[in-house]
N, C-alpha and C. Protein backbone atom coordinates (compact mmCIF):
# COMPACT_ATOMS: atom_id res chain seq x y z
N MET A 1 0.07 12.27 -20.54
CA MET A 1 -0.26 11.65 -19.46
C MET A 1 0.33 10.14 -19.85
N THR A 2 0.89 9.54 -18.86
CA THR A 2 1.27 8.40 -18.66
C THR A 2 0.55 7.04 -18.19
N ASP A 3 0.14 6.25 -18.91
CA ASP A 3 -0.96 5.21 -18.26
C ASP A 3 0.04 4.03 -17.82
N ILE A 4 -0.11 3.62 -16.65
CA ILE A 4 0.72 2.53 -16.23
C ILE A 4 -0.55 1.67 -15.36
N GLU A 5 -0.64 0.36 -15.93
CA GLU A 5 -1.73 -0.42 -15.40
C GLU A 5 -3.13 0.30 -15.01
N GLY A 6 -3.38 1.14 -16.05
CA GLY A 6 -4.75 2.07 -15.72
C GLY A 6 -4.69 3.25 -14.89
N TYR A 7 -3.45 3.47 -14.41
CA TYR A 7 -3.39 4.57 -13.52
C TYR A 7 -2.58 5.97 -14.36
N ASN A 8 -3.08 6.99 -14.24
CA ASN A 8 -2.40 8.29 -14.78
C ASN A 8 -1.26 8.48 -13.87
N MET A 9 -0.03 8.47 -14.43
CA MET A 9 1.09 8.75 -13.71
C MET A 9 2.32 9.52 -14.45
N PRO A 10 1.59 10.77 -14.54
CA PRO A 10 2.66 11.88 -15.36
C PRO A 10 4.17 11.43 -15.14
N GLU A 11 4.86 11.51 -16.17
CA GLU A 11 6.43 11.31 -16.24
C GLU A 11 7.17 12.17 -15.66
N ASP A 12 6.78 13.62 -15.52
CA ASP A 12 7.50 14.83 -15.04
C ASP A 12 7.52 14.60 -13.37
N LEU A 13 6.46 13.71 -12.82
CA LEU A 13 6.58 13.88 -11.15
C LEU A 13 7.26 12.82 -10.60
N TYR A 14 7.66 13.13 -9.38
CA TYR A 14 8.26 12.14 -8.68
C TYR A 14 7.23 11.64 -7.62
N TYR A 15 7.30 10.39 -7.35
CA TYR A 15 6.47 9.61 -6.34
C TYR A 15 6.98 9.15 -4.94
N HIS A 16 6.34 9.30 -4.08
CA HIS A 16 6.72 8.82 -2.44
C HIS A 16 5.90 7.43 -2.55
N LYS A 17 6.66 6.57 -1.81
CA LYS A 17 6.10 5.12 -1.86
C LYS A 17 4.66 5.06 -0.97
N GLU A 18 4.40 6.20 -0.42
CA GLU A 18 2.95 6.49 0.19
C GLU A 18 2.04 7.33 -0.66
N HIS A 19 2.54 7.29 -1.83
CA HIS A 19 1.63 7.79 -3.18
C HIS A 19 1.32 9.37 -3.28
N ALA A 20 2.43 10.34 -2.62
CA ALA A 20 2.28 11.34 -2.75
C ALA A 20 3.10 11.79 -4.02
N TRP A 21 2.79 12.46 -4.69
CA TRP A 21 3.60 13.07 -6.06
C TRP A 21 4.32 14.52 -5.57
N VAL A 22 5.38 14.65 -6.30
CA VAL A 22 6.07 16.01 -6.29
C VAL A 22 6.26 16.41 -7.59
N LYS A 23 5.87 17.93 -7.86
CA LYS A 23 5.97 18.47 -9.04
C LYS A 23 7.24 19.61 -8.80
N VAL A 24 8.26 19.56 -9.35
CA VAL A 24 9.32 20.79 -9.06
C VAL A 24 9.02 21.90 -10.14
N SER A 25 8.98 23.20 -9.29
CA SER A 25 8.79 24.47 -9.87
C SER A 25 10.09 25.10 -10.22
N GLY A 26 10.10 25.96 -11.28
CA GLY A 26 11.37 26.65 -11.72
C GLY A 26 11.74 27.51 -10.59
N ASP A 27 11.03 27.80 -9.55
CA ASP A 27 11.46 28.99 -8.42
C ASP A 27 12.19 27.99 -7.24
N GLY A 28 12.23 26.74 -7.35
CA GLY A 28 12.72 26.05 -6.32
C GLY A 28 12.01 25.36 -5.27
N THR A 29 10.64 25.76 -5.65
CA THR A 29 9.57 25.02 -4.62
C THR A 29 8.97 23.91 -5.22
N VAL A 30 8.11 23.11 -4.60
CA VAL A 30 7.57 21.98 -5.07
C VAL A 30 6.00 21.80 -4.63
N LEU A 31 5.31 21.60 -5.64
CA LEU A 31 3.81 21.26 -5.21
C LEU A 31 3.68 19.89 -4.93
N VAL A 32 2.88 19.32 -4.09
CA VAL A 32 2.53 18.14 -3.58
C VAL A 32 0.91 17.88 -3.47
N GLY A 33 0.98 16.44 -4.06
CA GLY A 33 -0.49 15.97 -3.89
C GLY A 33 -0.56 14.37 -3.90
N MET A 34 -1.56 14.12 -4.03
CA MET A 34 -1.75 12.50 -3.92
C MET A 34 -1.98 11.96 -5.32
N SER A 35 -1.51 10.79 -5.65
CA SER A 35 -1.34 10.51 -6.93
C SER A 35 -2.65 9.58 -7.52
N ASP A 36 -3.01 9.38 -8.53
CA ASP A 36 -4.16 8.67 -9.50
C ASP A 36 -4.38 7.71 -8.62
N PHE A 37 -3.19 6.73 -8.54
CA PHE A 37 -3.11 5.42 -7.58
C PHE A 37 -3.86 5.36 -6.63
N TYR A 38 -3.34 6.45 -5.84
CA TYR A 38 -3.99 6.74 -4.27
C TYR A 38 -5.44 7.07 -4.44
N GLN A 39 -5.91 7.79 -5.34
CA GLN A 39 -7.24 8.30 -5.38
C GLN A 39 -8.19 7.26 -5.88
N LYS A 40 -7.73 6.39 -6.72
CA LYS A 40 -8.62 5.50 -7.43
C LYS A 40 -8.57 4.21 -6.38
N ASN A 41 -7.68 3.82 -5.51
CA ASN A 41 -7.85 2.86 -4.68
C ASN A 41 -8.30 3.32 -3.27
N SER A 42 -8.38 4.25 -2.98
CA SER A 42 -9.22 4.77 -1.85
C SER A 42 -10.57 5.16 -1.89
N GLY A 43 -11.01 5.50 -2.87
CA GLY A 43 -12.23 5.88 -3.09
C GLY A 43 -12.52 7.33 -2.79
N ASP A 44 -13.74 7.87 -2.89
CA ASP A 44 -14.05 9.16 -2.65
C ASP A 44 -13.42 9.95 -1.31
N THR A 45 -12.72 10.65 -1.35
CA THR A 45 -12.05 11.54 -0.42
C THR A 45 -13.06 12.33 0.32
N THR A 46 -13.40 11.91 1.50
CA THR A 46 -14.39 12.91 2.27
C THR A 46 -13.93 13.89 3.22
N TYR A 47 -12.63 13.70 3.64
CA TYR A 47 -12.11 14.69 4.57
C TYR A 47 -10.63 14.72 4.42
N ILE A 48 -9.85 16.01 4.69
CA ILE A 48 -8.61 16.17 4.77
C ILE A 48 -8.15 16.86 5.82
N ASP A 49 -7.20 16.43 6.67
CA ASP A 49 -6.52 17.35 7.87
C ASP A 49 -5.43 17.72 7.15
N LEU A 50 -5.46 19.13 6.92
CA LEU A 50 -4.31 19.45 6.16
C LEU A 50 -3.01 20.07 7.04
N PRO A 51 -1.93 20.12 6.77
CA PRO A 51 -0.65 20.44 7.52
C PRO A 51 -0.77 21.99 7.59
N PHE A 52 0.19 22.65 8.56
CA PHE A 52 0.05 23.83 8.69
C PHE A 52 1.00 24.69 8.01
N GLU A 53 0.68 25.61 7.37
CA GLU A 53 1.72 26.63 6.76
C GLU A 53 2.46 27.20 7.80
N GLY A 54 4.02 27.32 7.33
CA GLY A 54 5.17 27.54 8.14
C GLY A 54 5.70 26.40 8.84
N ASP A 55 4.97 25.19 8.90
CA ASP A 55 5.71 24.19 9.72
C ASP A 55 6.82 23.74 8.80
N ASP A 56 7.96 23.05 9.69
CA ASP A 56 8.94 22.36 8.79
C ASP A 56 8.39 20.83 8.79
N VAL A 57 8.59 19.96 8.01
CA VAL A 57 8.47 18.59 7.76
C VAL A 57 9.80 17.80 7.41
N GLU A 58 9.76 16.46 7.74
CA GLU A 58 10.97 15.91 7.37
C GLU A 58 10.30 14.81 6.46
N GLN A 59 11.12 14.41 5.47
CA GLN A 59 10.78 13.23 4.48
C GLN A 59 10.28 12.34 5.12
N GLY A 60 9.01 11.77 4.67
CA GLY A 60 8.46 10.48 5.24
C GLY A 60 7.54 10.74 6.52
N GLU A 61 7.46 11.91 7.02
CA GLU A 61 6.77 12.32 8.33
C GLU A 61 5.43 12.47 7.94
N THR A 62 4.63 12.06 8.79
CA THR A 62 3.06 12.28 8.68
C THR A 62 2.85 13.80 9.07
N CYS A 63 2.05 14.38 8.08
CA CYS A 63 1.93 15.69 8.39
C CYS A 63 0.54 16.02 8.26
N GLY A 64 -0.57 15.11 8.01
CA GLY A 64 -1.70 15.31 7.86
C GLY A 64 -2.66 14.06 7.61
N LYS A 65 -3.94 14.16 7.55
CA LYS A 65 -4.78 12.75 7.44
C LYS A 65 -5.67 12.89 6.26
N ILE A 66 -5.80 11.94 5.69
CA ILE A 66 -6.93 11.93 4.54
C ILE A 66 -7.90 10.94 4.95
N GLN A 67 -8.91 11.08 4.75
CA GLN A 67 -10.37 9.99 4.98
C GLN A 67 -10.93 10.07 3.61
N SER A 68 -11.25 8.66 3.43
CA SER A 68 -11.90 8.37 2.24
C SER A 68 -13.18 7.68 2.66
N ALA A 69 -14.01 7.03 1.81
CA ALA A 69 -15.14 6.21 1.86
C ALA A 69 -14.62 4.79 2.38
N LYS A 70 -13.42 4.49 2.25
CA LYS A 70 -13.01 3.28 2.67
C LYS A 70 -12.05 3.22 3.75
N TRP A 71 -11.35 4.29 4.03
CA TRP A 71 -10.21 4.36 5.11
C TRP A 71 -9.89 5.89 5.62
N VAL A 72 -9.30 5.75 6.75
CA VAL A 72 -8.50 6.96 7.14
C VAL A 72 -7.24 6.72 7.02
N GLY A 73 -6.31 7.56 6.27
CA GLY A 73 -4.78 7.18 6.11
C GLY A 73 -4.28 8.32 6.66
N LYS A 74 -2.81 8.28 6.50
CA LYS A 74 -1.93 9.43 6.63
C LYS A 74 -1.48 10.00 5.41
N PHE A 75 -1.29 11.44 5.54
CA PHE A 75 -0.63 12.09 4.42
C PHE A 75 0.90 12.37 4.84
N VAL A 76 1.81 11.74 3.98
CA VAL A 76 3.26 11.71 4.50
C VAL A 76 3.88 12.72 3.43
N SER A 77 4.81 13.53 4.09
CA SER A 77 5.55 14.46 3.09
C SER A 77 6.48 13.78 2.46
N PRO A 78 6.72 13.75 1.11
CA PRO A 78 7.54 13.29 0.37
C PRO A 78 9.15 13.93 0.45
N LEU A 79 9.17 15.08 0.74
CA LEU A 79 10.42 15.82 0.86
C LEU A 79 10.25 16.46 2.30
N SER A 80 11.75 16.87 2.91
CA SER A 80 11.73 17.60 3.84
C SER A 80 11.70 19.27 3.57
N GLY A 81 11.32 20.13 4.50
CA GLY A 81 11.31 21.39 4.33
C GLY A 81 10.06 22.29 5.02
N GLU A 82 10.06 23.32 4.56
CA GLU A 82 9.11 24.36 5.23
C GLU A 82 7.76 24.38 4.24
N ILE A 83 6.74 24.10 4.92
CA ILE A 83 5.41 24.32 4.17
C ILE A 83 5.00 25.86 3.90
N LEU A 84 5.12 26.41 2.72
CA LEU A 84 4.65 27.48 2.40
C LEU A 84 3.20 27.96 2.09
N GLU A 85 2.41 26.86 1.75
CA GLU A 85 1.08 27.12 1.46
C GLU A 85 0.25 25.62 1.38
N VAL A 86 -0.82 25.67 1.97
CA VAL A 86 -1.92 24.47 1.88
C VAL A 86 -3.04 24.82 1.05
N ASN A 87 -3.56 24.07 0.35
CA ASN A 87 -4.68 24.13 -0.56
C ASN A 87 -5.87 24.11 0.17
N GLU A 88 -6.39 25.36 0.78
CA GLU A 88 -7.60 25.57 1.64
C GLU A 88 -8.88 25.12 0.96
N GLU A 89 -9.03 25.11 -0.33
CA GLU A 89 -10.00 24.66 -1.03
C GLU A 89 -10.43 23.23 -0.77
N LEU A 90 -9.59 22.38 -0.49
CA LEU A 90 -9.69 21.14 0.01
C LEU A 90 -10.53 20.74 1.07
N GLU A 91 -10.53 21.90 2.23
CA GLU A 91 -11.37 21.70 3.36
C GLU A 91 -12.83 21.97 2.90
N ASP A 92 -13.22 22.57 2.07
CA ASP A 92 -14.61 22.70 1.34
C ASP A 92 -14.79 21.60 0.46
N ASP A 93 -13.88 21.13 -0.38
CA ASP A 93 -14.29 20.02 -1.40
C ASP A 93 -13.09 19.37 -1.35
N PRO A 94 -12.86 18.11 -0.39
CA PRO A 94 -11.88 17.06 -0.59
C PRO A 94 -11.81 16.20 -1.77
N MET A 95 -12.95 16.15 -2.46
CA MET A 95 -13.30 15.41 -3.64
C MET A 95 -12.28 15.96 -4.96
N LEU A 96 -11.72 17.20 -4.69
CA LEU A 96 -10.83 17.82 -5.70
C LEU A 96 -9.58 16.83 -6.08
N ILE A 97 -9.32 16.12 -4.76
CA ILE A 97 -8.28 15.03 -5.04
C ILE A 97 -8.57 14.04 -5.94
N ASN A 98 -9.91 13.74 -5.93
CA ASN A 98 -10.15 12.54 -6.84
C ASN A 98 -10.45 13.35 -8.30
N LYS A 99 -11.17 14.41 -8.24
CA LYS A 99 -11.55 14.96 -9.55
C LYS A 99 -10.41 15.43 -10.46
N ASP A 100 -9.30 16.09 -9.68
CA ASP A 100 -8.06 16.55 -10.38
C ASP A 100 -7.01 16.43 -9.46
N SER A 101 -6.39 15.12 -9.46
CA SER A 101 -5.29 14.88 -8.41
C SER A 101 -4.07 15.65 -8.60
N TYR A 102 -3.86 15.99 -10.10
CA TYR A 102 -2.62 16.62 -10.32
C TYR A 102 -2.68 18.22 -10.82
N GLY A 103 -3.86 18.61 -10.38
CA GLY A 103 -4.26 20.03 -10.79
C GLY A 103 -4.81 20.74 -9.63
N GLU A 104 -6.08 20.85 -9.54
CA GLU A 104 -6.79 21.51 -8.38
C GLU A 104 -6.78 20.73 -7.21
N GLY A 105 -6.31 19.63 -7.22
CA GLY A 105 -6.53 18.58 -6.02
C GLY A 105 -5.14 18.77 -5.30
N TRP A 106 -4.15 19.56 -5.58
CA TRP A 106 -2.90 19.53 -5.00
C TRP A 106 -3.24 19.94 -3.40
N ILE A 107 -2.13 19.36 -2.47
CA ILE A 107 -2.27 19.56 -1.01
C ILE A 107 -1.39 20.65 -0.48
N MET A 108 -0.06 20.75 -0.88
CA MET A 108 0.65 21.83 -0.30
C MET A 108 1.63 22.33 -1.12
N LYS A 109 2.49 23.34 -1.00
CA LYS A 109 3.55 23.87 -1.49
C LYS A 109 4.68 23.94 -0.53
N LEU A 110 5.74 23.39 -0.87
CA LEU A 110 6.88 23.12 -0.07
C LEU A 110 8.03 23.66 -0.69
N LYS A 111 8.92 24.45 0.46
CA LYS A 111 10.37 24.89 0.03
C LYS A 111 11.14 23.88 0.65
N PRO A 112 11.68 22.93 -0.29
CA PRO A 112 12.55 21.78 0.14
C PRO A 112 13.80 22.43 0.53
N SER A 113 14.23 21.71 1.82
CA SER A 113 15.60 21.75 2.45
C SER A 113 16.86 21.27 1.73
N ASP A 114 16.55 19.88 1.06
CA ASP A 114 17.69 19.01 0.33
C ASP A 114 16.92 18.49 -0.75
N LYS A 115 16.42 19.30 -1.86
CA LYS A 115 15.63 18.86 -2.77
C LYS A 115 16.36 17.87 -3.64
N ASP A 116 17.50 18.11 -4.20
CA ASP A 116 18.24 17.25 -5.11
C ASP A 116 18.53 16.10 -4.27
N GLY A 117 19.22 16.04 -3.10
CA GLY A 117 19.38 14.65 -2.27
C GLY A 117 18.20 13.72 -2.04
N GLU A 118 16.82 14.52 -1.89
CA GLU A 118 15.79 13.68 -1.34
C GLU A 118 14.97 13.27 -2.54
N LEU A 119 15.04 13.97 -3.63
CA LEU A 119 14.29 13.45 -4.87
C LEU A 119 14.64 12.09 -5.23
N ALA A 120 16.25 12.03 -4.91
CA ALA A 120 16.79 10.69 -5.41
C ALA A 120 16.09 9.29 -4.60
N ASN A 121 15.25 9.86 -3.42
CA ASN A 121 14.81 8.76 -2.75
C ASN A 121 13.46 8.50 -3.24
N LEU A 122 13.03 9.15 -4.26
CA LEU A 122 11.65 9.09 -4.91
C LEU A 122 11.74 8.31 -6.15
N PHE A 123 10.56 7.60 -6.72
CA PHE A 123 10.38 6.99 -7.70
C PHE A 123 10.14 8.23 -9.02
N HIS A 124 11.06 7.74 -10.10
CA HIS A 124 10.78 8.90 -10.94
C HIS A 124 11.03 8.12 -12.36
N GLY A 125 10.66 8.75 -13.66
CA GLY A 125 10.98 8.08 -14.92
C GLY A 125 10.97 6.61 -14.97
N ALA A 126 11.80 5.87 -15.33
CA ALA A 126 11.89 4.42 -15.53
C ALA A 126 11.52 3.55 -14.33
N ALA A 127 11.79 4.15 -13.22
CA ALA A 127 11.23 3.35 -11.90
C ALA A 127 9.79 3.25 -11.73
N VAL A 128 9.16 4.23 -12.14
CA VAL A 128 7.63 4.28 -11.76
C VAL A 128 6.99 3.19 -12.40
N PRO A 129 7.04 2.41 -13.63
CA PRO A 129 6.20 1.49 -14.11
C PRO A 129 6.49 0.41 -12.95
N ASP A 130 7.70 0.00 -12.64
CA ASP A 130 7.82 -1.25 -11.72
C ASP A 130 7.18 -0.83 -10.35
N PHE A 131 7.42 0.26 -9.82
CA PHE A 131 6.90 0.73 -8.45
C PHE A 131 5.10 0.58 -8.57
N VAL A 132 4.38 1.01 -9.70
CA VAL A 132 3.24 1.12 -9.74
C VAL A 132 2.56 -0.89 -10.12
N LYS A 133 3.28 -1.20 -10.86
CA LYS A 133 3.12 -2.66 -11.07
C LYS A 133 3.20 -3.62 -9.73
N LYS A 134 4.24 -3.29 -8.95
CA LYS A 134 4.25 -3.89 -7.63
C LYS A 134 3.27 -3.26 -6.67
N GLU A 135 2.59 -2.25 -6.80
CA GLU A 135 1.55 -1.91 -5.97
C GLU A 135 0.29 -2.69 -6.27
N VAL A 136 0.11 -2.55 -7.61
CA VAL A 136 -1.08 -3.40 -8.18
C VAL A 136 -0.82 -4.96 -7.84
N ALA A 137 0.10 -5.64 -7.68
CA ALA A 137 0.38 -7.00 -7.54
C ALA A 137 0.10 -7.09 -5.87
N ASP A 138 0.42 -5.88 -4.98
CA ASP A 138 0.08 -6.17 -3.68
C ASP A 138 -1.29 -6.06 -3.39
N ILE A 139 -2.00 -5.35 -3.89
CA ILE A 139 -3.54 -5.05 -3.88
C ILE A 139 -4.18 -6.29 -4.34
N GLU A 140 -3.65 -7.13 -5.34
CA GLU A 140 -4.08 -8.48 -5.79
C GLU A 140 -4.04 -9.28 -4.73
N ASN A 141 -2.82 -9.45 -4.22
CA ASN A 141 -2.39 -10.57 -3.32
C ASN A 141 -3.23 -10.28 -1.91
N LYS A 142 -3.46 -9.10 -1.54
CA LYS A 142 -4.46 -8.87 -0.30
C LYS A 142 -5.94 -9.27 -0.63
N LYS A 143 -6.40 -9.35 -1.98
CA LYS A 143 -7.58 -9.62 -2.09
C LYS A 143 -7.91 -11.19 -1.98
N GLN A 144 -6.83 -12.03 -2.28
CA GLN A 144 -6.88 -13.42 -2.22
C GLN A 144 -6.95 -13.94 -1.00
């Protein structure tokens, strides 16, 4: 676990600016979910409109909706590719995103079309702390 400003942001993951995370699997697929930063700032997840298995998505494209106690937001695909599987457990218990955002709260499994090229567009490693600190500062500025 890597704690950055009070948020669990595992070092082995890649992060999209819309707070989706990407975990690269050994078989070339990726698992996607929403980060601890998202779940702590959005509040309890009350509903998710999952993308469809078999659909092709583009990096940065809205492919679903997430509703929480505080707002309704978009679920943005962090990579381009084909959706192989969605976590249907979330339809019955969307709070899995809050309870276990990096485990049972995953959202979709994707077969990326340009994994290496598009991973370079995401935050990873040494770039993650600066990204989180900027997001925290943005939230603080909005409160003022």
